[in-house]
C-alpha atoms as a PDB file:
ATOM      1  CA  MET A   1      90.307 136.926-159.605  1.00  0.00           C
ATOM      2  CA  GLN A   2      88.719 136.146-155.742  1.00  0.00           C
ATOM      3  CA  GLN A   3      86.826 139.203-156.095  1.00  0.00           C
ATOM      4  CA  ASN A   4      84.897 138.205-159.395  1.00  0.00           C
ATOM      5  CA  LEU A   5      84.618 134.491-158.001  1.00  0.00           C
ATOM      6  CA  SER A   6      83.220 135.759-154.448  1.00  0.00           C
ATOM      7  CA  GLU A   7      80.511 138.309-156.547  1.00  0.00           C
ATOM      8  CA  ASP A   8      79.487 135.506-158.886  1.00  0.00           C
ATOM      9  CA  ILE A   9      78.801 133.540-155.429  1.00  0.00           C
ATOM     10  CA  GLU A  10      76.793 135.571-154.231  1.00  0.00           C
ATOM     11  CA  GLN A  11      74.592 136.493-157.236  1.00  0.00           C
ATOM     12  CA  TYR A  12      74.058 132.815-157.322  1.00  0.00           C
ATOM     13  CA  ILE A  13      72.829 132.440-153.626  1.00  0.00           C
ATOM     14  CA  LEU A  14      71.043 135.524-153.765  1.00  0.00           C
ATOM     15  CA  LYS A  15      69.015 134.629-157.295  1.00  0.00           C
ATOM     16  CA  LEU A  16      67.885 131.263-154.924  1.00  0.00           C
ATOM     17  CA  PHE A  17      66.065 134.099-153.166  1.00  0.00           C
ATOM     18  CA  GLU A  18      64.466 135.430-156.403  1.00  0.00           C
ATOM     19  CA  ASP A  19      63.745 131.785-157.678  1.00  0.00           C
ATOM     20  CA  GLU A  20      62.466 130.191-153.994  1.00  0.00           C
ATOM     21  CA  SER A  21      60.265 133.649-153.201  1.00  0.00           C
ATOM     22  CA  GLU A  22      60.586 132.723-150.056  1.00  0.00           C
ATOM     23  CA  GLU A  23      62.808 134.327-146.936  1.00  0.00           C
ATOM     24  CA  PHE A  24      65.478 131.179-146.916  1.00  0.00           C
ATOM     25  CA  VAL A  25      66.955 129.339-149.036  1.00  0.00           C
ATOM     26  CA  SER A  26      69.239 125.889-148.024  1.00  0.00           C
ATOM     27  CA  LEU A  27      71.768 124.463-150.040  1.00  0.00           C
ATOM     28  CA  ARG A  28      74.919 122.311-149.424  1.00  0.00           C
ATOM     29  CA  ARG A  29      78.581 124.112-149.154  1.00  0.00           C
ATOM     30  CA  LYS A  30      80.097 121.396-151.061  1.00  0.00           C
ATOM     31  CA  GLU A  31      77.631 121.486-153.935  1.00  0.00           C
ATOM     32  CA  VAL A  32      78.531 125.425-154.280  1.00  0.00           C
ATOM     33  CA  ALA A  33      81.501 124.653-153.958  1.00  0.00           C
ATOM     34  CA  GLU A  34      81.571 121.830-157.459  1.00  0.00           C
ATOM     35  CA  ILE A  35      79.295 124.115-159.235  1.00  0.00           C
ATOM     36  CA  PHE A  36      82.024 127.110-158.847  1.00  0.00           C
ATOM     37  CA  ASN A  37      84.854 124.582-159.252  1.00  0.00           C
ATOM     38  CA  CYS A  38      86.129 126.281-155.853  1.00  0.00           C
ATOM     39  CA  VAL A  39      87.265 124.971-152.558  1.00  0.00           C
ATOM     40  CA  PRO A  40      84.251 125.187-149.413  1.00  0.00           C
ATOM     41  CA  SER A  41      86.087 127.369-147.527  1.00  0.00           C
ATOM     42  CA  GLN A  42      85.837 129.895-150.851  1.00  0.00           C
ATOM     43  CA  ILE A  43      81.580 129.599-150.040  1.00  0.00           C
ATOM     44  CA  ASN A  44      82.386 130.067-146.252  1.00  0.00           C
ATOM     45  CA  TYR A  45      84.133 133.424-146.973  1.00  0.00           C
ATOM     46  CA  VAL A  46      81.140 134.339-148.895  1.00  0.00           C
ATOM     47  CA  LEU A  47      78.352 134.113-146.203  1.00  0.00           C
ATOM     48  CA  ARG A  48      80.341 135.272-143.539  1.00  0.00           C
ATOM     49  CA  SER A  49      81.531 137.988-145.346  1.00  0.00           C
ATOM     50  CA  ARG A  50      78.114 139.471-147.702  1.00  0.00           C
ATOM     51  CA  PHE A  51      75.665 136.933-145.790  1.00  0.00           C
ATOM     52  CA  SER A  52      76.201 138.979-142.517  1.00  0.00           C
ATOM     53  CA  PRO A  53      73.445 139.734-139.622  1.00  0.00           C
ATOM     54  CA  GLU A  54      74.425 143.704-140.714  1.00  0.00           C
ATOM     55  CA  ARG A  55      73.677 142.700-143.949  1.00  0.00           C
ATOM     56  CA  GLY A  56      70.367 141.980-143.487  1.00  0.00           C
ATOM     57  CA  TYR A  57      70.794 137.768-143.207  1.00  0.00           C
ATOM     58  CA  LEU A  58      71.242 134.963-140.047  1.00  0.00           C
ATOM     59  CA  ILE A  59      72.992 131.822-141.450  1.00  0.00           C
ATOM     60  CA  GLU A  60      72.419 128.428-139.899  1.00  0.00           C
ATOM     61  CA  SER A  61      74.742 125.217-140.594  1.00  0.00           C
ATOM     62  CA  ARG A  62      75.008 122.291-139.740  1.00  0.00           C
ATOM     63  CA  ARG A  63      78.151 120.320-140.992  1.00  0.00           C
ATOM     64  CA  GLY A  64      79.186 116.271-141.755  1.00  0.00           C
ATOM     65  CA  GLU A  65      77.449 114.315-144.549  1.00  0.00           C
ATOM     66  CA  PHE A  66      74.309 115.549-144.385  1.00  0.00           C
ATOM     67  CA  GLY A  67      75.252 119.134-143.594  1.00  0.00           C
ATOM     68  CA  TYR A  68      73.898 122.146-145.337  1.00  0.00           C
ATOM     69  CA  ILE A  69      73.316 125.838-144.912  1.00  0.00           C
ATOM     70  CA  LYS A  70      69.879 128.109-144.210  1.00  0.00           C
ATOM     71  CA  ILE A  71      70.240 131.645-145.197  1.00  0.00           C
ATOM     72  CA  LEU A  72      67.571 133.400-143.427  1.00  0.00           C
ATOM     73  CA  ARG A  73      66.705 136.809-145.231  1.00  0.00           C
ATOM     74  CA  ILE A  74      65.406 139.301-142.560  1.00  0.00           C
ATOM     75  CA  ASN A  75      61.723 139.650-142.418  1.00  0.00           C
ATOM     76  CA  THR A  76      60.278 143.131-142.002  1.00  0.00           C
ATOM     77  CA  SER A  77      56.521 142.650-142.277  1.00  0.00           C
ATOM     78  CA  ASP A  78      55.004 140.823-139.263  1.00  0.00           C
ATOM     79  CA  PRO A  79      56.029 143.312-136.030  1.00  0.00           C
ATOM     80  CA  LYS A  80      56.631 140.227-133.854  1.00  0.00           C
ATOM     81  CA  GLU A  81      58.910 138.517-136.408  1.00  0.00           C
ATOM     82  CA  LYS A  82      61.023 141.900-136.399  1.00  0.00           C
ATOM     83  CA  ILE A  83      61.261 141.716-133.007  1.00  0.00           C
ATOM     84  CA  LYS A  84      62.219 138.370-132.216  1.00  0.00           C
ATOM     85  CA  GLN A  85      64.455 138.700-135.352  1.00  0.00           C
ATOM     86  CA  VAL A  86      66.320 142.182-134.292  1.00  0.00           C
ATOM     87  CA  LYS A  87      67.165 140.318-130.816  1.00  0.00           C
ATOM     88  CA  LYS A  88      68.697 137.175-132.865  1.00  0.00           C
ATOM     89  CA  ILE A  89      70.551 139.699-134.994  1.00  0.00           C
ATOM     90  CA  VAL A  90      71.899 141.495-132.374  1.00  0.00           C
ATOM     91  CA  GLY A  91      72.560 138.767-129.904  1.00  0.00           C
ATOM     92  CA  LYS A  92      74.100 139.480-126.245  1.00  0.00           C
ATOM     93  CA  GLU A  93      76.849 142.371-127.586  1.00  0.00           C
ATOM     94  CA  ILE A  94      77.774 143.790-130.540  1.00  0.00           C
ATOM     95  CA  THR A  95      80.315 146.884-131.489  1.00  0.00           C
ATOM     96  CA  VAL A  96      79.414 150.320-132.672  1.00  0.00           C
ATOM     97  CA  ARG A  97      80.695 149.342-135.797  1.00  0.00           C
ATOM     98  CA  SER A  98      78.700 146.646-136.303  1.00  0.00           C
ATOM     99  CA  ALA A  99      75.597 148.204-135.009  1.00  0.00           C
ATOM    100  CA  CYS A 100      75.878 150.898-137.348  1.00  0.00           C
ATOM    101  CA  ARG A 101      76.283 148.713-139.973  1.00  0.00           C
ATOM    102  CA  LEU A 102      72.965 146.661-139.402  1.00  0.00           C
ATOM    103  CA  LEU A 103      71.266 150.132-139.138  1.00  0.00           C
ATOM    104  CA  SER A 104      72.699 151.155-142.851  1.00  0.00           C
ATOM    105  CA  THR A 105      71.068 147.465-143.724  1.00  0.00           C
ATOM    106  CA  LEU A 106      67.419 147.913-141.693  1.00  0.00           C
ATOM    107  CA  GLN A 107      67.303 151.866-143.599  1.00  0.00           C
ATOM    108  CA  GLU A 108      67.829 150.061-147.130  1.00  0.00           C
ATOM    109  CA  ARG A 109      65.754 147.363-146.248  1.00  0.00           C
ATOM    110  CA  GLY A 110      62.992 150.043-145.197  1.00  0.00           C
ATOM    111  CA  PHE A 111      62.710 148.775-141.658  1.00  0.00           C
ATOM    112  CA  LEU A 112      64.366 152.428-140.769  1.00  0.00           C
ATOM    113  CA  ASN A 113      64.552 155.998-142.036  1.00  0.00           C
ATOM    114  CA  LEU A 114      67.686 158.093-142.163  1.00  0.00           C
ATOM    115  CA  ARG A 115      66.763 160.237-139.375  1.00  0.00           C
ATOM    116  CA  GLU A 116      66.113 156.984-137.713  1.00  0.00           C
ATOM    117  CA  ARG A 117      68.836 155.631-138.045  1.00  0.00           C
ATOM    118  CA  LEU A 118      70.798 158.644-137.507  1.00  0.00           C
ATOM    119  CA  LEU A 119      69.491 158.747-134.244  1.00  0.00           C
ATOM    120  CA  ILE A 120      70.473 155.878-133.150  1.00  0.00           C
ATOM    121  CA  GLU A 121      73.690 155.545-134.044  1.00  0.00           C
ATOM    122  CA  VAL A 122      74.235 158.980-131.942  1.00  0.00           C
ATOM    123  CA  ALA A 123      72.597 156.988-129.115  1.00  0.00           C
ATOM    124  CA  LEU A 124      75.378 154.477-129.400  1.00  0.00           C
ATOM    125  CA  ALA A 125      78.263 155.915-129.825  1.00  0.00           C
ATOM    126  CA  GLN A 126      77.200 157.931-126.668  1.00  0.00           C
ATOM    127  CA  ALA A 127      76.264 155.437-124.584  1.00  0.00           C
ATOM    128  CA  ALA A 128      79.642 153.085-125.388  1.00  0.00           C
ATOM    129  CA  GLN A 129      81.552 156.389-124.818  1.00  0.00           C
ATOM    130  CA  THR A 130      80.080 157.193-121.421  1.00  0.00           C
ATOM    131  CA  ALA A 131      80.353 153.273-120.609  1.00  0.00           C
ATOM    132  CA  SER A 132      83.696 152.945-121.102  1.00  0.00           C
ATOM    133  CA  GLN A 133      85.543 156.839-120.167  1.00  0.00           C
ATOM    134  CA  GLU A 134      82.406 157.163-117.504  1.00  0.00           C
ATOM    135  CA  PHE A 135      82.451 154.230-115.962  1.00  0.00           C
ATOM    136  CA  TYR A 136      85.898 152.487-116.812  1.00  0.00           C
ATOM    137  CA  LEU A 137      83.884 149.262-118.123  1.00  0.00           C
ATOM    138  CA  ASN A 138      86.169 146.684-120.770  1.00  0.00           C
ATOM    139  CA  GLN A 139      85.034 146.338-124.121  1.00  0.00           C
ATOM    140  CA  GLU A 140      83.080 142.973-123.577  1.00  0.00           C
ATOM    141  CA  ARG A 141      80.668 144.970-121.111  1.00  0.00           C
ATOM    142  CA  VAL A 142      80.063 148.293-123.809  1.00  0.00           C
ATOM    143  CA  ASN A 143      79.775 145.974-126.494  1.00  0.00           C
ATOM    144  CA  LYS A 144      76.714 144.532-124.210  1.00  0.00           C
ATOM    145  CA  ILE A 145      75.543 147.696-123.067  1.00  0.00           C
ATOM    146  CA  THR A 146      75.491 149.008-127.253  1.00  0.00           C
ATOM    147  CA  ALA A 147      73.572 145.427-127.764  1.00  0.00           C
ATOM    148  CA  ASP A 148      71.231 146.097-125.013  1.00  0.00           C
ATOM    149  CA  THR A 149      70.711 150.217-126.234  1.00  0.00           C
ATOM    150  CA  LEU A 150      70.510 149.371-129.796  1.00  0.00           C
ATOM    151  CA  LYS A 151      67.829 146.438-128.748  1.00  0.00           C
ATOM    152  CA  ARG A 152      65.760 148.610-126.785  1.00  0.00           C
ATOM    153  CA  LEU A 153      65.416 151.290-129.280  1.00  0.00           C
ATOM    154  CA  LEU A 154      65.322 148.817-132.674  1.00  0.00           C
ATOM    155  CA  ILE A 155      61.722 147.117-130.501  1.00  0.00           C
ATOM    156  CA  THR A 156      60.220 150.769-130.062  1.00  0.00           C
ATOM    157  CA  ILE A 157      60.430 151.759-133.225  1.00  0.00           C
ATOM    158  CA  ILE A 158      59.049 148.996-134.155  1.00  0.00           C
ATOM    159  CA  ASP A 159      56.368 149.242-131.572  1.00  0.00           C
ATOM    160  CA  LEU A 160      56.097 152.726-132.455  1.00  0.00           C
ATOM    161  CA  ASN A 161      55.765 152.036-136.058  1.00  0.00           C
ATOM    162  CA  THR A 162      53.397 149.389-135.867  1.00  0.00           C
ATOM    163  CA  ASN A 163      50.589 151.436-133.501  1.00  0.00           C
ATOM    164  CA  MET A 164      50.569 154.393-135.947  1.00  0.00           C
ATOM    165  CA  GLU A 165      49.660 152.045-138.515  1.00  0.00           C
END
C-alpha cells in the first residue's frame, strides 16, 4: 500500500512540474498530506527517496506555520547555471555510490553521454580506492576527494561541450 501511495505522491509532484512548466515547484507538506490522506512524514519519505540530488532535484525546505517545500529540477541548458548546480548538488562530500546515481540521472537528462558517464565512474572508483588503500584516508576524506574529482570532471565536460557548440 505504501508503495502505491509513494508513487501517487511522486506522480502528483511531477504533474506540478508539467503544469507549472518551471524548473521548480513550491508546495506545503501539510496540504499535500491532506490531499493524500497521509501523515506529513510520508511526504518527507517521497521527497528523500524520489526527489534527491542523485535523481536530479534539489529540495529547499522551510518549517513552521508558513513553511514550504521548494523542489528545484536541475536545469541543463545554461552552462554557467550547470556549473553552479553541479557544485551545489555534489556538495563537499559524496560517496562513489551516490555519485554513480547522480551520473545516471545526468545521463538520462542528456547532460552526459554513456561514454562520459562510464569514464567518470571508473575515474571516481579508482580515485576512491587509491585514497583509501594507498593513502589510508578515512571515509570522510575519501568522500571529499570523490566530490572534488566529480566536480572537476563535470565542469570540464560542461566547458568542453560549451566550446564545441
